[in-house]
Amino acid sequence: METLYHQTNKLIQETQHLFSQLERKSSNIDLQEVKETIESKLNLINSNCERLDVLCLKGPVSQRQNARMRVDQLKYDSRHLAAALNSLCTRMIQRQREEAEREALLAKKFTSNDHVDILIDHTVQHNNSMHNAIHGVDDLLQQGSSVLDNLRSQRITLKGAHKRLIDIGNTLGLSNTTMRLIEQRTKQDGFILIAGMTFTCVVIILVVVYLT
């Protein structure tokens, strides 16, 4: 177990050295190659930690706790190195992208001011779309307000016409009873009209069904 522990600890130190080498000479080192080397070492370290877990259980009881602490420290170092690898790769990829964009910008040939095409940023386009949508909603609200105003004016006009009709009825000497009778007769005429229309539709449907 001691031999395997020292081998694993040595692998961790070698991996840490690769990290420092990568930080110092990131421009002259193949990122993918170094990443694969570090990943292979981390896989080997994790495999050794699994074997050490088994060996801890087989060791003397008095030494198990100490052995377990040493193996846990190796696992912690391995996880820390894996997280550092992910963070470093992200930073280097971002740095390479920025360098490529800077090189592309420096290599771009610009024409005279009369022929420069302004590339509108997506955020500006989104902002313009939002403003257009807001103006559209404002127009809809204004149209709705106009419709409500028209309905209010029509309601006032109808109220005035109804009042004038009542005044005319009072002028002609019609009593409230006569007015109610007229209203009831109007409702009855409406029912008769609906019944007649329904009966006519039923007759037409029956004729069409039986004749076809």
Protein backbone atom coordinates (compact mmCIF):
# COMPACT_ATOMS: atom_id res chain seq x y z
CA MET A 1 0.00 0.00 0.00
CA GLU A 2 2.84 2.38 0.81
CA THR A 3 4.34 1.88 -2.63
CA LEU A 4 1.04 2.57 -4.39
CA TYR A 5 0.45 5.60 -2.18
CA HIS A 6 3.83 7.12 -3.03
CA GLN A 7 3.29 6.40 -6.75
CA THR A 8 -0.06 8.17 -6.64
CA ASN A 9 1.38 11.11 -4.73
CA LYS A 10 4.15 11.36 -7.32
CA LEU A 11 1.55 11.40 -10.11
CA ILE A 12 -0.20 14.32 -8.38
CA GLN A 13 3.07 16.23 -8.16
CA GLU A 14 3.77 15.56 -11.86
CA THR A 15 0.29 16.77 -12.76
CA GLN A 16 0.79 19.96 -10.75
CA HIS A 17 4.08 20.48 -12.61
CA LEU A 18 2.23 20.17 -15.93
CA PHE A 19 -0.18 22.87 -14.75
CA SER A 20 2.66 25.24 -13.93
CA GLN A 21 4.29 24.47 -17.27
CA LEU A 22 1.02 25.14 -19.03
CA GLU A 23 0.64 28.48 -17.26
CA ARG A 24 4.18 29.64 -18.12
CA LYS A 25 4.30 28.53 -21.77
CA SER A 26 0.68 28.45 -22.82
CA SER A 27 1.47 30.04 -26.19
CA ASN A 28 4.07 27.38 -27.17
CA ILE A 29 2.25 24.28 -25.92
CA ASP A 30 -0.42 22.27 -27.65
CA LEU A 31 -3.41 22.66 -25.36
CA GLN A 32 -5.10 19.46 -26.47
CA GLU A 33 -1.94 17.38 -25.99
CA VAL A 34 -1.30 18.68 -22.48
CA LYS A 35 -4.98 18.30 -21.59
CA GLU A 36 -4.96 14.66 -22.67
CA THR A 37 -1.76 14.02 -20.68
CA ILE A 38 -3.26 15.57 -17.54
CA GLU A 39 -6.53 13.66 -18.01
CA SER A 40 -4.67 10.36 -18.36
CA LYS A 41 -2.74 11.06 -15.15
CA LEU A 42 -5.95 12.00 -13.34
CA ASN A 43 -7.59 8.77 -14.50
CA LEU A 44 -4.61 6.81 -13.21
CA ILE A 45 -4.72 8.70 -9.90
CA ASN A 46 -8.43 7.93 -9.47
CA SER A 47 -7.83 4.27 -10.30
CA ASN A 48 -5.04 4.10 -7.72
CA CYS A 49 -7.32 5.75 -5.13
CA GLU A 50 -9.92 3.03 -5.69
CA ARG A 51 -7.27 0.35 -5.15
CA LEU A 52 -6.05 2.16 -2.05
CA ASP A 53 -9.62 2.14 -0.67
CA VAL A 54 -9.63 -1.63 -0.94
CA LEU A 55 -6.19 -1.93 0.62
CA CYS A 56 -7.25 0.29 3.54
CA LEU A 57 -9.94 -2.24 4.45
CA LYS A 58 -7.43 -5.06 4.32
CA GLY A 59 -4.82 -3.32 6.46
CA PRO A 60 -4.43 -3.46 10.24
CA VAL A 61 -7.30 -1.97 12.20
CA SER A 62 -5.00 0.38 14.11
CA GLN A 63 -3.73 1.91 10.84
CA ARG A 64 -7.00 2.12 8.92
CA GLN A 65 -7.98 5.59 10.11
CA ASN A 66 -4.62 7.11 9.23
CA ALA A 67 -4.56 5.30 5.87
CA ARG A 68 -8.09 6.49 5.12
CA MET A 69 -7.12 10.10 5.82
CA ARG A 70 -4.15 9.86 3.46
CA VAL A 71 -6.30 8.35 0.69
CA ASP A 72 -8.98 11.02 1.19
CA GLN A 73 -6.28 13.67 0.80
CA LEU A 74 -5.24 12.10 -2.50
CA LYS A 75 -8.87 12.12 -3.67
CA TYR A 76 -9.23 15.77 -2.68
CA ASP A 77 -6.07 16.68 -4.62
CA SER A 78 -7.38 14.77 -7.64
CA ARG A 79 -10.73 16.57 -7.60
CA HIS A 80 -8.98 19.90 -7.15
CA LEU A 81 -6.73 19.20 -10.14
CA ALA A 82 -9.70 18.18 -12.30
CA ALA A 83 -11.53 21.42 -11.46
CA ALA A 84 -8.38 23.42 -12.14
CA LEU A 85 -8.01 21.70 -15.52
CA ASN A 86 -11.54 22.63 -16.55
CA SER A 87 -11.05 26.23 -15.42
CA LEU A 88 -7.69 26.53 -17.17
CA CYS A 89 -8.98 25.08 -20.43
CA THR A 90 -11.92 27.50 -20.37
CA ARG A 91 -9.60 30.47 -19.84
CA MET A 92 -7.19 29.38 -22.56
CA ILE A 93 -9.98 28.76 -25.07
CA GLN A 94 -11.38 32.21 -24.30
CA ARG A 95 -7.91 33.71 -24.69
CA GLN A 96 -7.37 31.96 -28.03
CA ARG A 97 -10.78 33.14 -29.24
CA GLU A 98 -10.00 36.72 -28.27
CA GLU A 99 -6.63 36.54 -30.02
CA ALA A 100 -8.25 35.13 -33.16
CA GLU A 101 -10.88 37.88 -33.13
CA ARG A 102 -8.18 40.51 -32.64
CA GLU A 103 -6.13 39.11 -35.52
CA ALA A 104 -9.22 38.99 -37.73
CA LEU A 105 -10.03 42.60 -36.86
CA LEU A 106 -6.49 43.75 -37.59
CA ALA A 107 -6.44 41.86 -40.89
CA LYS A 108 -9.79 43.25 -42.03
CA LYS A 109 -9.61 45.80 -44.81
CA PHE A 110 -11.90 48.79 -44.43
CA THR A 111 -13.14 50.86 -47.37
CA SER A 112 -13.93 54.57 -47.44
CA ASN A 113 -16.60 56.00 -45.21
CA ASP A 114 -19.11 56.07 -48.07
CA HIS A 115 -19.02 52.29 -48.37
CA VAL A 116 -18.68 51.19 -44.76
CA ASP A 117 -21.38 48.72 -43.76
CA ILE A 118 -22.38 49.16 -40.15
CA LEU A 119 -23.03 45.77 -38.54
CA ILE A 120 -25.93 46.18 -36.14
CA ASP A 121 -25.48 44.35 -32.92
CA HIS A 122 -28.11 41.77 -31.93
CA THR A 123 -28.85 43.75 -28.80
CA VAL A 124 -29.63 46.86 -30.84
CA GLN A 125 -31.92 44.85 -33.11
CA HIS A 126 -33.69 43.38 -30.10
CA ASN A 127 -34.06 46.86 -28.61
CA ASN A 128 -35.58 48.18 -31.85
CA SER A 129 -37.99 45.25 -31.98
CA MET A 130 -39.07 45.94 -28.40
CA HIS A 131 -39.68 49.62 -29.22
CA ASN A 132 -41.75 48.65 -32.25
CA ALA A 133 -43.80 46.26 -30.14
CA ILE A 134 -44.35 48.95 -27.50
CA HIS A 135 -45.52 51.41 -30.17
CA GLY A 136 -47.88 48.76 -31.54
CA VAL A 137 -49.37 48.16 -28.09
CA ASP A 138 -49.77 51.92 -27.60
CA ASP A 139 -51.64 52.14 -30.90
CA LEU A 140 -53.92 49.30 -29.87
CA LEU A 141 -54.63 50.97 -26.53
CA GLN A 142 -55.41 54.24 -28.29
CA GLN A 143 -57.79 52.48 -30.68
CA GLY A 144 -59.49 50.73 -27.76
CA SER A 145 -59.87 54.06 -25.96
CA SER A 146 -61.44 55.57 -29.09
CA VAL A 147 -63.89 52.66 -29.34
CA LEU A 148 -64.88 53.09 -25.68
CA ASP A 149 -65.43 56.82 -26.20
CA ASN A 150 -67.66 56.07 -29.21
CA LEU A 151 -69.66 53.55 -27.18
CA ARG A 152 -70.12 56.08 -24.38
CA SER A 153 -71.34 58.72 -26.82
CA GLN A 154 -73.74 56.23 -28.42
CA ARG A 155 -75.02 55.24 -24.98
CA ILE A 156 -75.69 58.89 -24.14
CA THR A 157 -77.46 59.34 -27.50
CA LEU A 158 -79.65 56.27 -26.92
CA LYS A 159 -80.53 57.45 -23.44
CA GLY A 160 -81.58 60.80 -24.89
CA ALA A 161 -83.69 59.11 -27.58
CA HIS A 162 -85.35 56.88 -24.96
CA LYS A 163 -86.12 59.88 -22.81
CA ARG A 164 -87.57 61.74 -25.77
CA LEU A 165 -89.78 58.75 -26.61
CA ILE A 166 -91.06 58.69 -23.04
CA ASP A 167 -91.75 62.39 -23.23
CA ILE A 168 -93.61 61.93 -26.51
CA GLY A 169 -95.64 59.11 -24.99
CA ASN A 170 -96.54 61.26 -22.02
CA THR A 171 -97.45 64.08 -24.37
CA LEU A 172 -99.79 61.81 -26.31
CA GLY A 173 -101.46 60.81 -23.04
CA LEU A 174 -100.35 57.17 -22.99
CA SER A 175 -100.50 55.68 -19.51
CA ASN A 176 -97.91 53.43 -17.95
CA THR A 177 -100.26 50.46 -18.37
CA THR A 178 -100.56 51.09 -22.09
CA MET A 179 -96.77 51.33 -22.39
CA ARG A 180 -96.34 48.03 -20.57
CA LEU A 181 -98.89 46.40 -22.85
CA ILE A 182 -97.00 47.66 -25.88
CA GLU A 183 -93.73 46.28 -24.48
CA GLN A 184 -95.37 42.89 -23.75
CA ARG A 185 -96.84 42.80 -27.25
CA THR A 186 -93.40 43.52 -28.67
CA LYS A 187 -91.94 40.59 -26.72
CA GLN A 188 -94.77 38.30 -27.85
CA ASP A 189 -94.19 39.33 -31.45
CA GLY A 190 -90.53 38.45 -31.02
CA PHE A 191 -91.37 35.00 -29.64
CA ILE A 192 -93.83 34.44 -32.50
CA LEU A 193 -91.17 35.46 -35.00
CA ILE A 194 -88.58 33.09 -33.48
CA ALA A 195 -91.13 30.23 -33.36
CA GLY A 196 -92.10 30.83 -36.96
CA MET A 197 -88.49 30.88 -38.09
CA THR A 198 -87.78 27.67 -36.15
CA PHE A 199 -90.83 25.94 -37.62
CA THR A 200 -89.86 27.04 -41.12
CA CYS A 201 -86.30 25.73 -40.68
CA VAL A 202 -87.63 22.37 -39.40
CA VAL A 203 -89.97 22.09 -42.40
CA ILE A 204 -87.17 22.89 -44.81
CA ILE A 205 -84.87 20.32 -43.16
CA LEU A 206 -87.60 17.65 -43.31
CA VAL A 207 -88.30 18.41 -46.95
CA VAL A 208 -84.63 18.23 -47.83
CA VAL A 209 -84.18 14.96 -45.90
CA TYR A 210 -87.18 13.20 -47.39
CA LEU A 211 -86.77 14.49 -50.93
CA THR A 212 -83.09 13.57 -51.11
